[in-house]
Full PDB file with SEQRES, HELIX, SHEET, SSBOND, CRYST1, ORIGX, SCALE, CONECT and MASTER records, all heavy atoms in Angstrom:
SEQRES   1 A   33  LEU CYS THR ALA GLN GLU PRO ILE ARG PHE CYS GLN ILE          
SEQRES   2 A   33  LYS LYS ASP ALA PRO ALA ALA ILE VAL THR VAL GLN GLY          
SEQRES   3 A   33  SER CYS MET GLY ALA ALA ARG                                  
SHEET    1 AA1 2 PHE A  10  ILE A  13  0                                        
SHEET    2 AA1 2 VAL A  22  GLN A  25 -1                                        
CRYST1    1.000    1.000    1.000  90.00  90.00  90.00 P 1           1          
ORIGX1      1.000000  0.000000  0.000000        0.00000                         
ORIGX2      0.000000  1.000000  0.000000        0.00000                         
ORIGX3      0.000000  0.000000  1.000000        0.00000                         
SCALE1      1.000000  0.000000  0.000000        0.00000                         
SCALE2      0.000000  1.000000  0.000000        0.00000                         
SCALE3      0.000000  0.000000  1.000000        0.00000                         
ATOM      1  N   LEU A   1       3.042  -6.091   5.187  1.00  0.00           N  
ATOM      2  CA  LEU A   1       3.967  -7.201   5.360  1.00  0.00           C  
ATOM      3  C   LEU A   1       5.292  -6.843   4.710  1.00  0.00           C  
ATOM      4  O   LEU A   1       5.376  -6.434   3.575  1.00  0.00           O  
ATOM      5  CB  LEU A   1       3.378  -8.473   4.725  1.00  0.00           C  
ATOM      6  CG  LEU A   1       2.052  -8.963   5.277  1.00  0.00           C  
ATOM      7  CD1 LEU A   1       1.630 -10.200   4.586  1.00  0.00           C  
ATOM      8  CD2 LEU A   1       2.198  -9.209   6.765  1.00  0.00           C  
ATOM      9  N   CYS A   2       6.363  -7.086   5.444  1.00  0.00           N  
ATOM     10  CA  CYS A   2       7.668  -6.741   4.923  1.00  0.00           C  
ATOM     11  C   CYS A   2       8.264  -7.899   4.117  1.00  0.00           C  
ATOM     12  O   CYS A   2       8.950  -8.710   4.630  1.00  0.00           O  
ATOM     13  CB  CYS A   2       8.612  -6.388   6.052  1.00  0.00           C  
ATOM     14  SG  CYS A   2      10.241  -5.932   5.458  1.00  0.00           S  
ATOM     15  N   THR A   3       7.850  -8.006   2.827  1.00  0.00           N  
ATOM     16  CA  THR A   3       8.421  -9.015   1.966  1.00  0.00           C  
ATOM     17  C   THR A   3       8.950  -8.356   0.694  1.00  0.00           C  
ATOM     18  O   THR A   3       9.135  -9.033  -0.291  1.00  0.00           O  
ATOM     19  CB  THR A   3       7.301 -10.001   1.583  1.00  0.00           C  
ATOM     20  OG1 THR A   3       6.242  -9.320   0.931  1.00  0.00           O  
ATOM     21  CG2 THR A   3       6.788 -10.731   2.798  1.00  0.00           C  
ATOM     22  N   ALA A   4       9.229  -7.092   0.758  1.00  0.00           N  
ATOM     23  CA  ALA A   4       9.661  -6.387  -0.431  1.00  0.00           C  
ATOM     24  C   ALA A   4      11.149  -6.476  -0.706  1.00  0.00           C  
ATOM     25  O   ALA A   4      11.923  -6.756   0.212  1.00  0.00           O  
ATOM     26  CB  ALA A   4       9.296  -4.876  -0.316  1.00  0.00           C  
ATOM     27  N   GLN A   5      11.550  -6.285  -1.900  1.00  0.00           N  
ATOM     28  CA  GLN A   5      12.948  -6.238  -2.300  1.00  0.00           C  
ATOM     29  C   GLN A   5      13.437  -4.814  -2.503  1.00  0.00           C  
ATOM     30  O   GLN A   5      14.571  -4.565  -2.643  1.00  0.00           O  
ATOM     31  CB  GLN A   5      13.188  -7.075  -3.532  1.00  0.00           C  
ATOM     32  CG  GLN A   5      12.927  -8.570  -3.315  1.00  0.00           C  
ATOM     33  CD  GLN A   5      13.125  -9.377  -4.570  1.00  0.00           C  
ATOM     34  OE1 GLN A   5      13.358  -8.805  -5.626  1.00  0.00           O  
ATOM     35  NE2 GLN A   5      13.028 -10.690  -4.482  1.00  0.00           N  
ATOM     36  N   GLU A   6      12.487  -3.920  -2.532  1.00  0.00           N  
ATOM     37  CA  GLU A   6      12.798  -2.495  -2.570  1.00  0.00           C  
ATOM     38  C   GLU A   6      11.697  -1.736  -1.895  1.00  0.00           C  
ATOM     39  O   GLU A   6      10.594  -2.287  -1.682  1.00  0.00           O  
ATOM     40  CB  GLU A   6      12.963  -2.000  -4.036  1.00  0.00           C  
ATOM     41  CG  GLU A   6      11.728  -2.171  -4.854  1.00  0.00           C  
ATOM     42  CD  GLU A   6      11.961  -1.802  -6.354  1.00  0.00           C  
ATOM     43  OE1 GLU A   6      12.654  -2.592  -6.993  1.00  0.00           O  
ATOM     44  OE2 GLU A   6      11.466  -0.767  -6.735  1.00  0.00           O  
ATOM     45  N   PRO A   7      11.860  -0.486  -1.493  1.00  0.00           N  
ATOM     46  CA  PRO A   7      10.930   0.163  -0.660  1.00  0.00           C  
ATOM     47  C   PRO A   7       9.609   0.517  -1.385  1.00  0.00           C  
ATOM     48  O   PRO A   7       9.582   0.803  -2.555  1.00  0.00           O  
ATOM     49  CB  PRO A   7      11.641   1.436  -0.208  1.00  0.00           C  
ATOM     50  CG  PRO A   7      12.627   1.692  -1.296  1.00  0.00           C  
ATOM     51  CD  PRO A   7      13.072   0.311  -1.738  1.00  0.00           C  
ATOM     52  N   ILE A   8       8.484   0.478  -0.588  1.00  0.00           N  
ATOM     53  CA  ILE A   8       7.239   1.040  -1.036  1.00  0.00           C  
ATOM     54  C   ILE A   8       7.408   2.548  -0.698  1.00  0.00           C  
ATOM     55  O   ILE A   8       7.610   2.899   0.463  1.00  0.00           O  
ATOM     56  CB  ILE A   8       6.073   0.431  -0.299  1.00  0.00           C  
ATOM     57  CG1 ILE A   8       5.989  -1.066  -0.652  1.00  0.00           C  
ATOM     58  CG2 ILE A   8       4.764   1.112  -0.654  1.00  0.00           C  
ATOM     59  CD1 ILE A   8       4.990  -1.806   0.213  1.00  0.00           C  
ATOM     60  N   ARG A   9       7.275   3.388  -1.654  1.00  0.00           N  
ATOM     61  CA  ARG A   9       7.632   4.807  -1.407  1.00  0.00           C  
ATOM     62  C   ARG A   9       6.626   5.585  -0.627  1.00  0.00           C  
ATOM     63  O   ARG A   9       6.959   6.443   0.166  1.00  0.00           O  
ATOM     64  CB  ARG A   9       7.920   5.441  -2.788  1.00  0.00           C  
ATOM     65  CG  ARG A   9       9.098   4.863  -3.469  1.00  0.00           C  
ATOM     66  CD  ARG A   9       9.537   5.629  -4.704  1.00  0.00           C  
ATOM     67  NE  ARG A   9      10.726   5.040  -5.305  1.00  0.00           N  
ATOM     68  CZ  ARG A   9      10.729   4.049  -6.188  1.00  0.00           C  
ATOM     69  NH1 ARG A   9       9.587   3.532  -6.569  1.00  0.00           N  
ATOM     70  NH2 ARG A   9      11.802   3.507  -6.661  1.00  0.00           N  
ATOM     71  N   PHE A  10       5.350   5.364  -0.889  1.00  0.00           N  
ATOM     72  CA  PHE A  10       4.367   6.033  -0.075  1.00  0.00           C  
ATOM     73  C   PHE A  10       3.011   5.331  -0.139  1.00  0.00           C  
ATOM     74  O   PHE A  10       2.757   4.496  -0.989  1.00  0.00           O  
ATOM     75  CB  PHE A  10       4.182   7.521  -0.456  1.00  0.00           C  
ATOM     76  CG  PHE A  10       4.157   7.734  -1.949  1.00  0.00           C  
ATOM     77  CD1 PHE A  10       3.057   7.350  -2.728  1.00  0.00           C  
ATOM     78  CD2 PHE A  10       5.243   8.305  -2.573  1.00  0.00           C  
ATOM     79  CE1 PHE A  10       3.042   7.602  -4.069  1.00  0.00           C  
ATOM     80  CE2 PHE A  10       5.225   8.502  -3.963  1.00  0.00           C  
ATOM     81  CZ  PHE A  10       4.136   8.142  -4.715  1.00  0.00           C  
ATOM     82  N   CYS A  11       2.163   5.603   0.822  1.00  0.00           N  
ATOM     83  CA  CYS A  11       0.834   5.006   0.855  1.00  0.00           C  
ATOM     84  C   CYS A  11      -0.234   5.979   1.153  1.00  0.00           C  
ATOM     85  O   CYS A  11       0.040   7.085   1.614  1.00  0.00           O  
ATOM     86  CB  CYS A  11       0.845   3.859   1.886  1.00  0.00           C  
ATOM     87  SG  CYS A  11       1.145   4.377   3.558  1.00  0.00           S  
ATOM     88  N   GLN A  12      -1.487   5.585   0.964  1.00  0.00           N  
ATOM     89  CA  GLN A  12      -2.611   6.502   1.134  1.00  0.00           C  
ATOM     90  C   GLN A  12      -3.804   5.712   1.532  1.00  0.00           C  
ATOM     91  O   GLN A  12      -4.007   4.579   1.079  1.00  0.00           O  
ATOM     92  CB  GLN A  12      -2.904   7.223  -0.179  1.00  0.00           C  
ATOM     93  CG  GLN A  12      -4.148   8.092  -0.120  1.00  0.00           C  
ATOM     94  CD  GLN A  12      -4.522   8.538  -1.530  1.00  0.00           C  
ATOM     95  OE1 GLN A  12      -4.084   7.971  -2.526  1.00  0.00           O  
ATOM     96  NE2 GLN A  12      -5.375   9.571  -1.633  1.00  0.00           N  
ATOM     97  N   ILE A  13      -4.681   6.271   2.386  1.00  0.00           N  
ATOM     98  CA  ILE A  13      -5.978   5.675   2.681  1.00  0.00           C  
ATOM     99  C   ILE A  13      -7.020   6.342   1.836  1.00  0.00           C  
ATOM    100  O   ILE A  13      -7.115   7.566   1.846  1.00  0.00           O  
ATOM    101  CB  ILE A  13      -6.311   5.835   4.170  1.00  0.00           C  
ATOM    102  CG1 ILE A  13      -5.231   5.230   5.055  1.00  0.00           C  
ATOM    103  CG2 ILE A  13      -7.679   5.224   4.474  1.00  0.00           C  
ATOM    104  CD1 ILE A  13      -5.082   3.766   4.824  1.00  0.00           C  
ATOM    105  N   LYS A  14      -7.776   5.602   1.093  1.00  0.00           N  
ATOM    106  CA  LYS A  14      -8.829   6.194   0.290  1.00  0.00           C  
ATOM    107  C   LYS A  14      -9.888   6.824   1.161  1.00  0.00           C  
ATOM    108  O   LYS A  14     -10.381   6.230   2.074  1.00  0.00           O  
ATOM    109  CB  LYS A  14      -9.510   5.145  -0.614  1.00  0.00           C  
ATOM    110  CG  LYS A  14      -8.565   4.713  -1.799  1.00  0.00           C  
ATOM    111  CD  LYS A  14      -9.341   3.842  -2.748  1.00  0.00           C  
ATOM    112  CE  LYS A  14     -10.336   4.651  -3.489  1.00  0.00           C  
ATOM    113  NZ  LYS A  14     -10.969   3.889  -4.605  1.00  0.00           N  
ATOM    114  N   LYS A  15     -10.213   8.045   0.880  1.00  0.00           N  
ATOM    115  CA  LYS A  15     -11.186   8.778   1.765  1.00  0.00           C  
ATOM    116  C   LYS A  15     -12.634   8.405   1.532  1.00  0.00           C  
ATOM    117  O   LYS A  15     -13.475   8.546   2.393  1.00  0.00           O  
ATOM    118  CB  LYS A  15     -11.003  10.305   1.554  1.00  0.00           C  
ATOM    119  CG  LYS A  15      -9.577  10.794   1.711  1.00  0.00           C  
ATOM    120  CD  LYS A  15      -9.043  10.492   3.098  1.00  0.00           C  
ATOM    121  CE  LYS A  15      -7.634  11.052   3.270  1.00  0.00           C  
ATOM    122  NZ  LYS A  15      -7.063  10.666   4.572  1.00  0.00           N  
ATOM    123  N   ASP A  16     -12.941   7.903   0.304  1.00  0.00           N  
ATOM    124  CA  ASP A  16     -14.320   7.612  -0.023  1.00  0.00           C  
ATOM    125  C   ASP A  16     -14.721   6.174   0.152  1.00  0.00           C  
ATOM    126  O   ASP A  16     -15.802   5.737  -0.242  1.00  0.00           O  
ATOM    127  CB  ASP A  16     -14.615   8.042  -1.483  1.00  0.00           C  
ATOM    128  CG  ASP A  16     -13.722   7.328  -2.449  1.00  0.00           C  
ATOM    129  OD1 ASP A  16     -12.685   6.770  -2.047  1.00  0.00           O  
ATOM    130  OD2 ASP A  16     -14.017   7.373  -3.687  1.00  0.00           O  
ATOM    131  N   ALA A  17     -13.831   5.365   0.695  1.00  0.00           N  
ATOM    132  CA  ALA A  17     -14.116   3.966   0.828  1.00  0.00           C  
ATOM    133  C   ALA A  17     -14.980   3.663   2.004  1.00  0.00           C  
ATOM    134  O   ALA A  17     -14.978   4.398   3.000  1.00  0.00           O  
ATOM    135  CB  ALA A  17     -12.757   3.204   0.992  1.00  0.00           C  
ATOM    136  N   PRO A  18     -15.809   2.627   1.956  1.00  0.00           N  
ATOM    137  CA  PRO A  18     -16.658   2.250   3.080  1.00  0.00           C  
ATOM    138  C   PRO A  18     -15.921   1.698   4.247  1.00  0.00           C  
ATOM    139  O   PRO A  18     -16.442   1.569   5.308  1.00  0.00           O  
ATOM    140  CB  PRO A  18     -17.617   1.177   2.504  1.00  0.00           C  
ATOM    141  CG  PRO A  18     -16.814   0.605   1.372  1.00  0.00           C  
ATOM    142  CD  PRO A  18     -15.992   1.735   0.809  1.00  0.00           C  
ATOM    143  N   ALA A  19     -14.663   1.320   4.065  1.00  0.00           N  
ATOM    144  CA  ALA A  19     -13.771   0.864   5.130  1.00  0.00           C  
ATOM    145  C   ALA A  19     -12.351   1.196   4.724  1.00  0.00           C  
ATOM    146  O   ALA A  19     -12.095   1.636   3.599  1.00  0.00           O  
ATOM    147  CB  ALA A  19     -13.960  -0.599   5.384  1.00  0.00           C  
ATOM    148  N   ALA A  20     -11.397   1.017   5.587  1.00  0.00           N  
ATOM    149  CA  ALA A  20     -10.038   1.351   5.319  1.00  0.00           C  
ATOM    150  C   ALA A  20      -9.482   0.510   4.166  1.00  0.00           C  
ATOM    151  O   ALA A  20      -9.501  -0.692   4.266  1.00  0.00           O  
ATOM    152  CB  ALA A  20      -9.165   1.176   6.538  1.00  0.00           C  
ATOM    153  N   ILE A  21      -9.021   1.147   3.130  1.00  0.00           N  
ATOM    154  CA  ILE A  21      -8.442   0.479   1.987  1.00  0.00           C  
ATOM    155  C   ILE A  21      -7.096   1.115   1.678  1.00  0.00           C  
ATOM    156  O   ILE A  21      -6.963   2.343   1.634  1.00  0.00           O  
ATOM    157  CB  ILE A  21      -9.349   0.575   0.744  1.00  0.00           C  
ATOM    158  CG1 ILE A  21     -10.740  -0.031   1.047  1.00  0.00           C  
ATOM    159  CG2 ILE A  21      -8.752  -0.125  -0.451  1.00  0.00           C  
ATOM    160  CD1 ILE A  21     -11.750   0.242   0.012  1.00  0.00           C  
ATOM    161  N   VAL A  22      -6.094   0.336   1.434  1.00  0.00           N  
ATOM    162  CA  VAL A  22      -4.783   0.868   1.126  1.00  0.00           C  
ATOM    163  C   VAL A  22      -4.652   1.039  -0.387  1.00  0.00           C  
ATOM    164  O   VAL A  22      -4.928   0.102  -1.140  1.00  0.00           O  
ATOM    165  CB  VAL A  22      -3.700  -0.102   1.623  1.00  0.00           C  
ATOM    166  CG1 VAL A  22      -2.315   0.398   1.167  1.00  0.00           C  
ATOM    167  CG2 VAL A  22      -3.699  -0.174   3.144  1.00  0.00           C  
ATOM    168  N   THR A  23      -4.309   2.202  -0.841  1.00  0.00           N  
ATOM    169  CA  THR A  23      -3.958   2.434  -2.263  1.00  0.00           C  
ATOM    170  C   THR A  23      -2.472   2.650  -2.327  1.00  0.00           C  
ATOM    171  O   THR A  23      -1.952   3.640  -1.799  1.00  0.00           O  
ATOM    172  CB  THR A  23      -4.684   3.672  -2.801  1.00  0.00           C  
ATOM    173  OG1 THR A  23      -6.091   3.473  -2.661  1.00  0.00           O  
ATOM    174  CG2 THR A  23      -4.325   3.918  -4.247  1.00  0.00           C  
ATOM    175  N   VAL A  24      -1.744   1.758  -2.880  1.00  0.00           N  
ATOM    176  CA  VAL A  24      -0.312   1.854  -2.962  1.00  0.00           C  
ATOM    177  C   VAL A  24       0.075   2.507  -4.295  1.00  0.00           C  
ATOM    178  O   VAL A  24      -0.299   2.030  -5.349  1.00  0.00           O  
ATOM    179  CB  VAL A  24       0.335   0.451  -2.863  1.00  0.00           C  
ATOM    180  CG1 VAL A  24       1.841   0.552  -2.974  1.00  0.00           C  
ATOM    181  CG2 VAL A  24      -0.066  -0.221  -1.559  1.00  0.00           C  
ATOM    182  N   GLN A  25       0.851   3.576  -4.229  1.00  0.00           N  
ATOM    183  CA  GLN A  25       1.320   4.227  -5.444  1.00  0.00           C  
ATOM    184  C   GLN A  25       2.840   4.198  -5.342  1.00  0.00           C  
ATOM    185  O   GLN A  25       3.446   4.747  -4.405  1.00  0.00           O  
ATOM    186  CB  GLN A  25       0.839   5.661  -5.490  1.00  0.00           C  
ATOM    187  CG  GLN A  25      -0.703   5.706  -5.580  1.00  0.00           C  
ATOM    188  CD  GLN A  25      -1.191   7.121  -5.651  1.00  0.00           C  
ATOM    189  OE1 GLN A  25      -0.437   8.048  -5.522  1.00  0.00           O  
ATOM    190  NE2 GLN A  25      -2.492   7.304  -5.800  1.00  0.00           N  
ATOM    191  N   GLY A  26       3.492   3.661  -6.344  1.00  0.00           N  
ATOM    192  CA  GLY A  26       4.929   3.548  -6.283  1.00  0.00           C  
ATOM    193  C   GLY A  26       5.330   2.140  -6.544  1.00  0.00           C  
ATOM    194  O   GLY A  26       4.703   1.403  -7.256  1.00  0.00           O  
ATOM    195  N   SER A  27       6.434   1.734  -5.950  1.00  0.00           N  
ATOM    196  CA  SER A  27       6.998   0.365  -6.230  1.00  0.00           C  
ATOM    197  C   SER A  27       6.456  -0.638  -5.301  1.00  0.00           C  
ATOM    198  O   SER A  27       7.032  -0.868  -4.203  1.00  0.00           O  
ATOM    199  CB  SER A  27       8.518   0.427  -6.190  1.00  0.00           C  
ATOM    200  OG  SER A  27       9.057  -0.819  -6.465  1.00  0.00           O  
ATOM    201  N   CYS A  28       5.337  -1.233  -5.608  1.00  0.00           N  
ATOM    202  CA  CYS A  28       4.703  -2.208  -4.721  1.00  0.00           C  
ATOM    203  C   CYS A  28       5.279  -3.578  -4.949  1.00  0.00           C  
ATOM    204  O   CYS A  28       4.819  -4.343  -5.775  1.00  0.00           O  
ATOM    205  CB  CYS A  28       3.209  -2.225  -4.908  1.00  0.00           C  
ATOM    206  SG  CYS A  28       2.335  -3.293  -3.808  1.00  0.00           S  
ATOM    207  N   MET A  29       6.319  -3.952  -4.233  1.00  0.00           N  
ATOM    208  CA  MET A  29       6.975  -5.229  -4.420  1.00  0.00           C  
ATOM    209  C   MET A  29       6.640  -6.187  -3.244  1.00  0.00           C  
ATOM    210  O   MET A  29       7.108  -7.329  -3.213  1.00  0.00           O  
ATOM    211  CB  MET A  29       8.482  -5.011  -4.483  1.00  0.00           C  
ATOM    212  CG  MET A  29       8.939  -4.205  -5.693  1.00  0.00           C  
ATOM    213  SD  MET A  29       8.529  -4.989  -7.262  1.00  0.00           S  
ATOM    214  CE  MET A  29       9.653  -6.406  -7.221  1.00  0.00           C  
ATOM    215  N   GLY A  30       5.905  -5.715  -2.306  1.00  0.00           N  
ATOM    216  CA  GLY A  30       5.547  -6.572  -1.157  1.00  0.00           C  
ATOM    217  C   GLY A  30       4.109  -6.989  -1.188  1.00  0.00           C  
ATOM    218  O   GLY A  30       3.485  -6.920  -2.239  1.00  0.00           O  
ATOM    219  N   ALA A  31       3.552  -7.395  -0.084  1.00  0.00           N  
ATOM    220  CA  ALA A  31       2.156  -7.843  -0.015  1.00  0.00           C  
ATOM    221  C   ALA A  31       1.467  -7.226   1.166  1.00  0.00           C  
ATOM    222  O   ALA A  31       2.053  -7.068   2.191  1.00  0.00           O  
ATOM    223  CB  ALA A  31       2.091  -9.381   0.121  1.00  0.00           C  
ATOM    224  N   ALA A  32       0.241  -6.757   0.950  1.00  0.00           N  
ATOM    225  CA  ALA A  32      -0.562  -6.160   2.042  1.00  0.00           C  
ATOM    226  C   ALA A  32      -1.838  -6.881   2.145  1.00  0.00           C  
ATOM    227  O   ALA A  32      -2.534  -7.051   1.129  1.00  0.00           O  
ATOM    228  CB  ALA A  32      -0.744  -4.692   1.799  1.00  0.00           C  
ATOM    229  N   ARG A  33      -2.266  -7.288   3.302  1.00  0.00           N  
ATOM    230  CA  ARG A  33      -3.529  -7.929   3.511  1.00  0.00           C  
ATOM    231  C   ARG A  33      -4.290  -7.186   4.616  1.00  0.00           C  
ATOM    232  O   ARG A  33      -3.802  -7.123   5.745  1.00  0.00           O  
ATOM    233  CB  ARG A  33      -3.427  -9.410   3.907  1.00  0.00           C  
ATOM    234  CG  ARG A  33      -2.842 -10.272   2.807  1.00  0.00           C  
ATOM    235  CD  ARG A  33      -2.812 -11.679   3.259  1.00  0.00           C  
ATOM    236  NE  ARG A  33      -2.181 -12.468   2.194  1.00  0.00           N  
ATOM    237  CZ  ARG A  33      -2.060 -13.792   2.288  1.00  0.00           C  
ATOM    238  NH1 ARG A  33      -2.480 -14.416   3.310  1.00  0.00           N  
ATOM    239  NH2 ARG A  33      -1.491 -14.494   1.305  1.00  0.00           N  
TER     240      ARG A  33                                                      
MASTER        0    0    0    0    2    0    0    6  239    1    0    3          
END                                                                             
């Protein structure tokens, strides 16, 4: 969801998760559902 005031720099999908899960590393100023 684009509600950030500054960019989310990068994202990653966890490889060991039972389903797709977003791991945000960096400036997480927005919201993801």
